[in-house]
Amino acid sequence: MPKILLAVLIAFVVIFVSVYDAAARHHKERGFKGNKGGGKMSFDKKLPYEFFERKGLFATGLEVVFPEGVKCPGISSPYGSKTRYDGSYRRNPHYGYHNGMDITLDTGTPLLAVADGQVIHKGTAGRLVGSYIWVHFPPSSTDLPIHIFARYQHLENPSPLEIDDTVSVGQAVGPSGNTGTTGGHFGYGGYPHLHLMFLTGPDPTYRVRNAKVGPRSLDYLDPVGLFLPRPIKVIDNHILKGLPKEKKKILVSVKTKDGEIIPKGSKVVWPVACEKE
């Protein structure tokens, strides 16, 4: 092999290895940017359903009731459902179960912070997620004995809020959209809606990897459970599923488009503003 060609080949190999190592370090750094608590986190795609069941991934049977005198966007696909708003079956790594609730909305509808909280992560991912923002709601903000990590996804464009920004109950966190829904089942036009997912833990520590927040030990919570009557000493989806039928109709508190919170003084609100009738 000519010396010049050999030198070029060696230089190429050196550059390739350097770029690969730099990319690997960059990926690792991005994967854990903003981590609270350190440690490793992984999200396995092939886990037995029992793992998700322990975390609360199943239908709870909760139903939403809105206050009299207001018209609010309701749930088009509830938490734990195996079907979409149009009745079609879901296909996902967690056995078809819906890990959040969907609210069908016009593109650009303001999405509201359900309580006082802090932005912990934001970005844009691919299919099924799109533009998203994560907000942490501590127990002091919700009067629940758990920390809630909420992901609002399919935003029309990235939220104008920045990581570490604080938000107040009813404050807009971004506009609804159809990002992450175009193509596939929903076709070219996609499906504009809010997918709101709650993960919960006993403390405020969290870790970030790509569009996900961990650790993997965090549990799911049906977002409607946020509106259970207080005081509450213990809450999880297993408890919500076991509630008597008459207690599964949950009256939610809301914010109206003119800024009123109903009932007055509520610390939590529906994630979309309502209209007075």
C-alpha atoms as a PDB file:
ATOM      1  CA  MET A   1       0.000   0.000   0.000  1.00  0.00           C
ATOM      2  CA  PRO A   2       1.457   3.430  -0.956  1.00  0.00           C
ATOM      3  CA  LYS A   3       2.671   5.440   2.036  1.00  0.00           C
ATOM      4  CA  ILE A   4       0.413   8.385   1.201  1.00  0.00           C
ATOM      5  CA  LEU A   5      -2.692   6.172   1.072  1.00  0.00           C
ATOM      6  CA  LEU A   6      -1.703   4.481   4.332  1.00  0.00           C
ATOM      7  CA  ALA A   7      -1.244   7.845   6.033  1.00  0.00           C
ATOM      8  CA  VAL A   8      -4.645   9.025   4.822  1.00  0.00           C
ATOM      9  CA  LEU A   9      -6.267   5.824   6.109  1.00  0.00           C
ATOM     10  CA  ILE A  10      -4.631   6.161   9.540  1.00  0.00           C
ATOM     11  CA  ALA A  11      -5.697   9.800   9.776  1.00  0.00           C
ATOM     12  CA  PHE A  12      -9.264   8.840   8.887  1.00  0.00           C
ATOM     13  CA  VAL A  13      -9.363   6.175  11.613  1.00  0.00           C
ATOM     14  CA  VAL A  14      -8.009   8.605  14.217  1.00  0.00           C
ATOM     15  CA  ILE A  15     -10.593  11.242  13.280  1.00  0.00           C
ATOM     16  CA  PHE A  16     -13.423   8.683  13.306  1.00  0.00           C
ATOM     17  CA  VAL A  17     -12.499   7.406  16.768  1.00  0.00           C
ATOM     18  CA  SER A  18     -12.210  10.946  18.111  1.00  0.00           C
ATOM     19  CA  VAL A  19     -15.592  11.963  16.708  1.00  0.00           C
ATOM     20  CA  TYR A  20     -17.231   8.768  18.008  1.00  0.00           C
ATOM     21  CA  ASP A  21     -15.835   9.313  21.515  1.00  0.00           C
ATOM     22  CA  ALA A  22     -16.931  12.945  21.499  1.00  0.00           C
ATOM     23  CA  ALA A  23     -20.413  11.990  20.328  1.00  0.00           C
ATOM     24  CA  ALA A  24     -20.663   9.337  23.021  1.00  0.00           C
ATOM     25  CA  ARG A  25     -19.624  11.811  25.698  1.00  0.00           C
ATOM     26  CA  HIS A  26     -22.065  14.406  24.326  1.00  0.00           C
ATOM     27  CA  HIS A  27     -24.911  11.885  24.330  1.00  0.00           C
ATOM     28  CA  LYS A  28     -24.138  10.903  27.907  1.00  0.00           C
ATOM     29  CA  GLU A  29     -23.965  14.515  29.024  1.00  0.00           C
ATOM     30  CA  ARG A  30     -27.241  15.386  27.270  1.00  0.00           C
ATOM     31  CA  GLY A  31     -28.871  12.272  28.654  1.00  0.00           C
ATOM     32  CA  PHE A  32     -28.278  13.365  32.227  1.00  0.00           C
ATOM     33  CA  LYS A  33     -28.358  17.145  31.882  1.00  0.00           C
ATOM     34  CA  GLY A  34     -30.095  18.721  34.856  1.00  0.00           C
ATOM     35  CA  ASN A  35     -30.014  15.493  36.880  1.00  0.00           C
ATOM     36  CA  LYS A  36     -30.987  15.631  40.498  1.00  0.00           C
ATOM     37  CA  GLY A  37     -29.473  12.815  42.515  1.00  0.00           C
ATOM     38  CA  GLY A  38     -27.163  11.211  39.927  1.00  0.00           C
ATOM     39  CA  GLY A  39     -27.015   7.490  39.299  1.00  0.00           C
ATOM     40  CA  LYS A  40     -27.954   5.434  36.290  1.00  0.00           C
ATOM     41  CA  MET A  41     -31.298   5.281  34.566  1.00  0.00           C
ATOM     42  CA  SER A  42     -32.532   2.988  31.839  1.00  0.00           C
ATOM     43  CA  PHE A  43     -35.860   2.468  30.112  1.00  0.00           C
ATOM     44  CA  ASP A  44     -36.181  -1.095  28.866  1.00  0.00           C
ATOM     45  CA  LYS A  45     -38.702  -1.615  26.095  1.00  0.00           C
ATOM     46  CA  LYS A  46     -39.328  -5.274  26.801  1.00  0.00           C
ATOM     47  CA  LEU A  47     -40.513  -5.587  30.376  1.00  0.00           C
ATOM     48  CA  PRO A  48     -43.269  -7.860  31.705  1.00  0.00           C
ATOM     49  CA  TYR A  49     -46.661  -6.231  32.174  1.00  0.00           C
ATOM     50  CA  GLU A  50     -46.385  -6.917  35.912  1.00  0.00           C
ATOM     51  CA  PHE A  51     -43.720  -4.208  36.065  1.00  0.00           C
ATOM     52  CA  PHE A  52     -46.107  -1.624  34.600  1.00  0.00           C
ATOM     53  CA  GLU A  53     -48.984  -2.924  36.699  1.00  0.00           C
ATOM     54  CA  ARG A  54     -47.005  -2.337  39.893  1.00  0.00           C
ATOM     55  CA  LYS A  55     -46.354   1.197  38.688  1.00  0.00           C
ATOM     56  CA  GLY A  56     -50.102   1.751  38.232  1.00  0.00           C
ATOM     57  CA  LEU A  57     -50.540   1.380  34.491  1.00  0.00           C
ATOM     58  CA  PHE A  58     -54.177   0.305  34.179  1.00  0.00           C
ATOM     59  CA  ALA A  59     -57.571   1.947  33.934  1.00  0.00           C
ATOM     60  CA  THR A  60     -58.700   3.471  37.228  1.00  0.00           C
ATOM     61  CA  GLY A  61     -62.303   4.166  36.234  1.00  0.00           C
ATOM     62  CA  LEU A  62     -62.228   7.796  37.394  1.00  0.00           C
ATOM     63  CA  GLU A  63     -64.677  10.160  35.700  1.00  0.00           C
ATOM     64  CA  VAL A  64     -64.490  13.945  35.464  1.00  0.00           C
ATOM     65  CA  VAL A  65     -67.292  16.250  36.580  1.00  0.00           C
ATOM     66  CA  PHE A  66     -66.961  19.971  35.811  1.00  0.00           C
ATOM     67  CA  PRO A  67     -68.446  22.768  37.953  1.00  0.00           C
ATOM     68  CA  GLU A  68     -71.866  24.072  37.017  1.00  0.00           C
ATOM     69  CA  GLY A  69     -71.931  27.079  34.747  1.00  0.00           C
ATOM     70  CA  VAL A  70     -68.745  26.327  32.800  1.00  0.00           C
ATOM     71  CA  LYS A  71     -67.931  24.478  29.605  1.00  0.00           C
ATOM     72  CA  CYS A  72     -64.561  22.732  29.598  1.00  0.00           C
ATOM     73  CA  PRO A  73     -62.592  20.562  27.154  1.00  0.00           C
ATOM     74  CA  GLY A  74     -63.124  17.017  28.394  1.00  0.00           C
ATOM     75  CA  ILE A  75     -61.087  13.844  28.159  1.00  0.00           C
ATOM     76  CA  SER A  76     -61.067  12.230  24.731  1.00  0.00           C
ATOM     77  CA  SER A  77     -58.979   9.213  25.762  1.00  0.00           C
ATOM     78  CA  PRO A  78     -58.723   8.475  29.494  1.00  0.00           C
ATOM     79  CA  TYR A  79     -55.778   7.222  31.464  1.00  0.00           C
ATOM     80  CA  GLY A  80     -55.226   3.460  31.126  1.00  0.00           C
ATOM     81  CA  SER A  81     -57.387   3.163  28.014  1.00  0.00           C
ATOM     82  CA  LYS A  82     -56.250   0.778  25.289  1.00  0.00           C
ATOM     83  CA  THR A  83     -58.053   2.796  22.624  1.00  0.00           C
ATOM     84  CA  ARG A  84     -57.582   6.257  21.146  1.00  0.00           C
ATOM     85  CA  TYR A  85     -60.245   8.942  20.805  1.00  0.00           C
ATOM     86  CA  ASP A  86     -61.410   7.346  17.557  1.00  0.00           C
ATOM     87  CA  GLY A  87     -61.782   3.875  19.047  1.00  0.00           C
ATOM     88  CA  SER A  88     -58.658   2.448  17.407  1.00  0.00           C
ATOM     89  CA  TYR A  89     -56.358   0.259  19.488  1.00  0.00           C
ATOM     90  CA  ARG A  90     -53.031   1.540  20.739  1.00  0.00           C
ATOM     91  CA  ARG A  91     -49.710  -0.151  20.047  1.00  0.00           C
ATOM     92  CA  ASN A  92     -46.872   0.802  22.376  1.00  0.00           C
ATOM     93  CA  PRO A  93     -44.096  -0.800  24.467  1.00  0.00           C
ATOM     94  CA  HIS A  94     -46.304  -0.914  27.566  1.00  0.00           C
ATOM     95  CA  TYR A  95     -48.902  -3.372  26.303  1.00  0.00           C
ATOM     96  CA  GLY A  96     -51.212  -0.836  24.696  1.00  0.00           C
ATOM     97  CA  TYR A  97     -52.127   0.989  27.914  1.00  0.00           C
ATOM     98  CA  HIS A  98     -52.436   4.776  27.812  1.00  0.00           C
ATOM     99  CA  ASN A  99     -49.941   6.295  30.262  1.00  0.00           C
ATOM    100  CA  GLY A 100     -51.681   9.672  30.407  1.00  0.00           C
ATOM    101  CA  MET A 101     -54.913  11.378  29.448  1.00  0.00           C
ATOM    102  CA  ASP A 102     -55.716  13.048  26.121  1.00  0.00           C
ATOM    103  CA  ILE A 103     -57.716  16.231  25.638  1.00  0.00           C
ATOM    104  CA  THR A 104     -58.623  17.098  22.032  1.00  0.00           C
ATOM    105  CA  LEU A 105     -57.830  20.778  21.390  1.00  0.00           C
ATOM    106  CA  ASP A 106     -57.485  23.293  18.606  1.00  0.00           C
ATOM    107  CA  THR A 107     -53.867  24.006  17.735  1.00  0.00           C
ATOM    108  CA  GLY A 108     -52.548  26.925  19.750  1.00  0.00           C
ATOM    109  CA  THR A 109     -54.802  26.459  22.795  1.00  0.00           C
ATOM    110  CA  PRO A 110     -52.922  27.601  25.932  1.00  0.00           C
ATOM    111  CA  LEU A 111     -52.018  24.706  28.236  1.00  0.00           C
ATOM    112  CA  LEU A 112     -52.121  25.542  31.931  1.00  0.00           C
ATOM    113  CA  ALA A 113     -49.948  24.598  34.893  1.00  0.00           C
ATOM    114  CA  VAL A 114     -52.199  22.462  37.070  1.00  0.00           C
ATOM    115  CA  ALA A 115     -50.532  23.825  40.231  1.00  0.00           C
ATOM    116  CA  ASP A 116     -47.603  25.955  41.340  1.00  0.00           C
ATOM    117  CA  GLY A 117     -44.432  24.304  40.098  1.00  0.00           C
ATOM    118  CA  GLN A 118     -41.067  24.500  38.402  1.00  0.00           C
ATOM    119  CA  VAL A 119     -39.960  23.651  34.859  1.00  0.00           C
ATOM    120  CA  ILE A 120     -37.400  20.822  34.993  1.00  0.00           C
ATOM    121  CA  HIS A 121     -37.042  19.768  31.353  1.00  0.00           C
ATOM    122  CA  LYS A 122     -38.220  20.689  27.839  1.00  0.00           C
ATOM    123  CA  GLY A 123     -37.439  19.818  24.260  1.00  0.00           C
ATOM    124  CA  THR A 124     -38.639  18.222  21.053  1.00  0.00           C
ATOM    125  CA  ALA A 125     -38.603  14.484  20.356  1.00  0.00           C
ATOM    126  CA  GLY A 126     -39.892  12.343  17.524  1.00  0.00           C
ATOM    127  CA  ARG A 127     -43.011  10.290  16.866  1.00  0.00           C
ATOM    128  CA  LEU A 128     -45.539  10.020  19.740  1.00  0.00           C
ATOM    129  CA  VAL A 129     -43.975  12.889  21.727  1.00  0.00           C
ATOM    130  CA  GLY A 130     -43.186  15.995  19.664  1.00  0.00           C
ATOM    131  CA  SER A 131     -42.493  19.191  21.593  1.00  0.00           C
ATOM    132  CA  TYR A 132     -42.873  18.749  25.346  1.00  0.00           C
ATOM    133  CA  ILE A 133     -42.291  20.339  28.724  1.00  0.00           C
ATOM    134  CA  TRP A 134     -41.864  18.713  32.151  1.00  0.00           C
ATOM    135  CA  VAL A 135     -43.044  20.508  35.295  1.00  0.00           C
ATOM    136  CA  HIS A 136     -42.428  19.414  38.895  1.00  0.00           C
ATOM    137  CA  PHE A 137     -45.278  19.962  41.350  1.00  0.00           C
ATOM    138  CA  PRO A 138     -44.244  19.462  45.015  1.00  0.00           C
ATOM    139  CA  PRO A 139     -46.634  18.387  47.799  1.00  0.00           C
ATOM    140  CA  SER A 140     -46.847  21.956  49.082  1.00  0.00           C
ATOM    141  CA  SER A 141     -48.424  22.977  45.765  1.00  0.00           C
ATOM    142  CA  THR A 142     -50.996  20.178  45.485  1.00  0.00           C
ATOM    143  CA  ASP A 143     -51.693  19.132  49.082  1.00  0.00           C
ATOM    144  CA  LEU A 144     -50.890  15.571  48.018  1.00  0.00           C
ATOM    145  CA  PRO A 145     -48.289  13.450  49.853  1.00  0.00           C
ATOM    146  CA  ILE A 146     -46.260  12.903  46.663  1.00  0.00           C
ATOM    147  CA  HIS A 147     -44.123  14.794  44.179  1.00  0.00           C
ATOM    148  CA  ILE A 148     -45.634  14.978  40.692  1.00  0.00           C
ATOM    149  CA  PHE A 149     -43.547  15.166  37.538  1.00  0.00           C
ATOM    150  CA  ALA A 150     -45.871  16.120  34.672  1.00  0.00           C
ATOM    151  CA  ARG A 151     -45.128  15.962  30.960  1.00  0.00           C
ATOM    152  CA  TYR A 152     -47.237  18.077  28.607  1.00  0.00           C
ATOM    153  CA  GLN A 153     -46.632  16.855  25.066  1.00  0.00           C
ATOM    154  CA  HIS A 154     -47.551  17.510  21.401  1.00  0.00           C
ATOM    155  CA  LEU A 155     -47.065  21.260  21.874  1.00  0.00           C
ATOM    156  CA  GLU A 156     -47.384  23.336  18.698  1.00  0.00           C
ATOM    157  CA  ASN A 157     -43.874  24.638  19.277  1.00  0.00           C
ATOM    158  CA  PRO A 158     -41.381  24.549  22.151  1.00  0.00           C
ATOM    159  CA  SER A 159     -42.554  26.234  25.343  1.00  0.00           C
ATOM    160  CA  PRO A 160     -41.259  29.786  25.834  1.00  0.00           C
ATOM    161  CA  LEU A 161     -40.468  28.870  29.443  1.00  0.00           C
ATOM    162  CA  GLU A 162     -36.937  27.909  30.437  1.00  0.00           C
ATOM    163  CA  ILE A 163     -35.650  25.179  32.730  1.00  0.00           C
ATOM    164  CA  ASP A 164     -35.821  26.276  36.403  1.00  0.00           C
ATOM    165  CA  ASP A 165     -38.570  28.827  35.664  1.00  0.00           C
ATOM    166  CA  THR A 166     -41.327  28.775  38.273  1.00  0.00           C
ATOM    167  CA  VAL A 167     -44.968  28.683  37.233  1.00  0.00           C
ATOM    168  CA  SER A 168     -48.113  29.541  39.140  1.00  0.00           C
ATOM    169  CA  VAL A 169     -51.365  27.614  39.079  1.00  0.00           C
ATOM    170  CA  GLY A 170     -53.249  28.366  35.854  1.00  0.00           C
ATOM    171  CA  GLN A 171     -50.247  29.912  34.098  1.00  0.00           C
ATOM    172  CA  ALA A 172     -49.781  29.010  30.428  1.00  0.00           C
ATOM    173  CA  VAL A 173     -46.859  26.635  29.866  1.00  0.00           C
ATOM    174  CA  GLY A 174     -47.148  26.358  26.075  1.00  0.00           C
ATOM    175  CA  PRO A 175     -49.570  26.016  23.136  1.00  0.00           C
ATOM    176  CA  SER A 176     -51.288  22.763  22.201  1.00  0.00           C
ATOM    177  CA  GLY A 177     -50.471  21.245  18.836  1.00  0.00           C
ATOM    178  CA  ASN A 178     -49.985  18.072  16.848  1.00  0.00           C
ATOM    179  CA  THR A 179     -46.203  17.608  16.946  1.00  0.00           C
ATOM    180  CA  GLY A 180     -45.260  13.963  17.252  1.00  0.00           C
ATOM    181  CA  THR A 181     -48.631  12.854  15.857  1.00  0.00           C
ATOM    182  CA  THR A 182     -48.217  13.427  12.130  1.00  0.00           C
ATOM    183  CA  GLY A 183     -47.761  10.373   9.936  1.00  0.00           C
ATOM    184  CA  GLY A 184     -48.571   6.845  10.993  1.00  0.00           C
ATOM    185  CA  HIS A 185     -52.042   6.320  12.422  1.00  0.00           C
ATOM    186  CA  PHE A 186     -53.068   9.991  12.306  1.00  0.00           C
ATOM    187  CA  GLY A 187     -51.892  10.629   8.764  1.00  0.00           C
ATOM    188  CA  TYR A 188     -50.458  13.807   7.293  1.00  0.00           C
ATOM    189  CA  GLY A 189     -52.575  16.174   9.362  1.00  0.00           C
ATOM    190  CA  GLY A 190     -51.846  14.553  12.708  1.00  0.00           C
ATOM    191  CA  TYR A 191     -54.138  14.917  15.705  1.00  0.00           C
ATOM    192  CA  PRO A 192     -53.956  18.151  17.762  1.00  0.00           C
ATOM    193  CA  HIS A 193     -54.345  17.346  21.447  1.00  0.00           C
ATOM    194  CA  LEU A 194     -52.726  17.475  24.852  1.00  0.00           C
ATOM    195  CA  HIS A 195     -51.286  14.271  26.214  1.00  0.00           C
ATOM    196  CA  LEU A 196     -50.705  14.850  29.933  1.00  0.00           C
ATOM    197  CA  MET A 197     -48.740  12.261  31.875  1.00  0.00           C
ATOM    198  CA  PHE A 198     -48.049  12.229  35.628  1.00  0.00           C
ATOM    199  CA  LEU A 199     -45.164  10.356  37.232  1.00  0.00           C
ATOM    200  CA  THR A 200     -44.892  10.410  41.018  1.00  0.00           C
ATOM    201  CA  GLY A 201     -42.262   9.840  43.660  1.00  0.00           C
ATOM    202  CA  PRO A 202     -41.674  10.287  47.405  1.00  0.00           C
ATOM    203  CA  ASP A 203     -39.085  13.060  47.003  1.00  0.00           C
ATOM    204  CA  PRO A 204     -38.046  15.785  44.536  1.00  0.00           C
ATOM    205  CA  THR A 205     -35.065  13.957  43.045  1.00  0.00           C
ATOM    206  CA  TYR A 206     -35.215  13.192  39.343  1.00  0.00           C
ATOM    207  CA  ARG A 207     -32.998  12.335  36.400  1.00  0.00           C
ATOM    208  CA  VAL A 208     -33.361  13.280  32.756  1.00  0.00           C
ATOM    209  CA  ARG A 209     -32.642  11.166  29.717  1.00  0.00           C
ATOM    210  CA  ASN A 210     -33.717  12.460  26.331  1.00  0.00           C
ATOM    211  CA  ALA A 211     -37.471  13.180  26.577  1.00  0.00           C
ATOM    212  CA  LYS A 212     -37.895  11.099  29.734  1.00  0.00           C
ATOM    213  CA  VAL A 213     -37.659  11.802  33.431  1.00  0.00           C
ATOM    214  CA  GLY A 214     -36.739   9.079  35.910  1.00  0.00           C
ATOM    215  CA  PRO A 215     -35.697   7.152  37.860  1.00  0.00           C
ATOM    216  CA  ARG A 216     -37.535   4.112  36.604  1.00  0.00           C
ATOM    217  CA  SER A 217     -38.986   3.591  40.093  1.00  0.00           C
ATOM    218  CA  LEU A 218     -41.348   6.550  39.616  1.00  0.00           C
ATOM    219  CA  ASP A 219     -45.003   5.493  39.487  1.00  0.00           C
ATOM    220  CA  TYR A 220     -47.811   6.571  37.180  1.00  0.00           C
ATOM    221  CA  LEU A 221     -50.797   8.554  38.407  1.00  0.00           C
ATOM    222  CA  ASP A 222     -54.090   9.094  36.605  1.00  0.00           C
ATOM    223  CA  PRO A 223     -54.118  12.928  36.271  1.00  0.00           C
ATOM    224  CA  VAL A 224     -57.758  12.999  37.374  1.00  0.00           C
ATOM    225  CA  GLY A 225     -56.554  11.780  40.778  1.00  0.00           C
ATOM    226  CA  LEU A 226     -55.088  15.254  41.305  1.00  0.00           C
ATOM    227  CA  PHE A 227     -58.616  16.486  42.023  1.00  0.00           C
ATOM    228  CA  LEU A 228     -59.647  14.033  44.749  1.00  0.00           C
ATOM    229  CA  PRO A 229     -61.126  15.735  47.831  1.00  0.00           C
ATOM    230  CA  ARG A 230     -58.535  16.658  50.461  1.00  0.00           C
ATOM    231  CA  PRO A 231     -57.085  15.721  52.916  1.00  0.00           C
ATOM    232  CA  ILE A 232     -55.315  12.710  51.418  1.00  0.00           C
ATOM    233  CA  LYS A 233     -52.712  10.712  53.325  1.00  0.00           C
ATOM    234  CA  VAL A 234     -51.891   8.133  50.648  1.00  0.00           C
ATOM    235  CA  ILE A 235     -52.591   8.105  46.916  1.00  0.00           C
ATOM    236  CA  ASP A 236     -51.681   5.887  43.979  1.00  0.00           C
ATOM    237  CA  ASN A 237     -53.506   4.259  41.082  1.00  0.00           C
ATOM    238  CA  HIS A 238     -54.140   1.060  43.009  1.00  0.00           C
ATOM    239  CA  ILE A 239     -56.061   3.093  45.586  1.00  0.00           C
ATOM    240  CA  LEU A 240     -57.900   5.032  42.863  1.00  0.00           C
ATOM    241  CA  LYS A 241     -58.948   1.823  41.116  1.00  0.00           C
ATOM    242  CA  GLY A 242     -60.292   0.427  44.386  1.00  0.00           C
ATOM    243  CA  LEU A 243     -62.527   3.408  45.171  1.00  0.00           C
ATOM    244  CA  PRO A 244     -66.260   2.694  45.376  1.00  0.00           C
ATOM    245  CA  LYS A 245     -68.088   3.520  42.146  1.00  0.00           C
ATOM    246  CA  GLU A 246     -69.901   6.474  43.694  1.00  0.00           C
ATOM    247  CA  LYS A 247     -66.549   8.080  44.616  1.00  0.00           C
ATOM    248  CA  LYS A 248     -65.074   7.777  41.126  1.00  0.00           C
ATOM    249  CA  LYS A 249     -66.938  10.796  39.798  1.00  0.00           C
ATOM    250  CA  ILE A 250     -64.427  13.538  40.544  1.00  0.00           C
ATOM    251  CA  LEU A 251     -65.400  17.213  40.648  1.00  0.00           C
ATOM    252  CA  VAL A 252     -62.461  19.158  39.242  1.00  0.00           C
ATOM    253  CA  SER A 253     -61.471  22.743  39.926  1.00  0.00           C
ATOM    254  CA  VAL A 254     -60.939  24.974  36.900  1.00  0.00           C
ATOM    255  CA  LYS A 255     -59.697  28.321  35.659  1.00  0.00           C
ATOM    256  CA  THR A 256     -61.958  30.234  33.303  1.00  0.00           C
ATOM    257  CA  LYS A 257     -60.811  32.176  30.260  1.00  0.00           C
ATOM    258  CA  ASP A 258     -61.413  35.431  32.109  1.00  0.00           C
ATOM    259  CA  GLY A 259     -59.008  34.323  34.879  1.00  0.00           C
ATOM    260  CA  GLU A 260     -61.392  33.174  37.625  1.00  0.00           C
ATOM    261  CA  ILE A 261     -60.519  30.016  39.557  1.00  0.00           C
ATOM    262  CA  ILE A 262     -63.517  27.879  40.541  1.00  0.00           C
ATOM    263  CA  PRO A 263     -63.827  27.158  43.398  1.00  0.00           C
ATOM    264  CA  LYS A 264     -62.037  30.261  44.571  1.00  0.00           C
ATOM    265  CA  GLY A 265     -58.702  29.570  46.219  1.00  0.00           C
ATOM    266  CA  SER A 266     -58.193  26.121  44.705  1.00  0.00           C
ATOM    267  CA  LYS A 267     -54.520  25.129  44.492  1.00  0.00           C
ATOM    268  CA  VAL A 268     -55.042  22.875  41.450  1.00  0.00           C
ATOM    269  CA  VAL A 269     -56.873  23.452  38.151  1.00  0.00           C
ATOM    270  CA  TRP A 270     -57.793  21.646  34.937  1.00  0.00           C
ATOM    271  CA  PRO A 271     -54.961  21.929  32.356  1.00  0.00           C
ATOM    272  CA  VAL A 272     -57.114  23.897  29.883  1.00  0.00           C
ATOM    273  CA  ALA A 273     -59.180  27.023  30.566  1.00  0.00           C
ATOM    274  CA  CYS A 274     -62.975  26.756  30.575  1.00  0.00           C
ATOM    275  CA  GLU A 275     -65.680  29.058  29.234  1.00  0.00           C
ATOM    276  CA  LYS A 276     -68.492  30.435  31.350  1.00  0.00           C
ATOM    277  CA  GLU A 277     -71.914  29.468  30.030  1.00  0.00           C
END
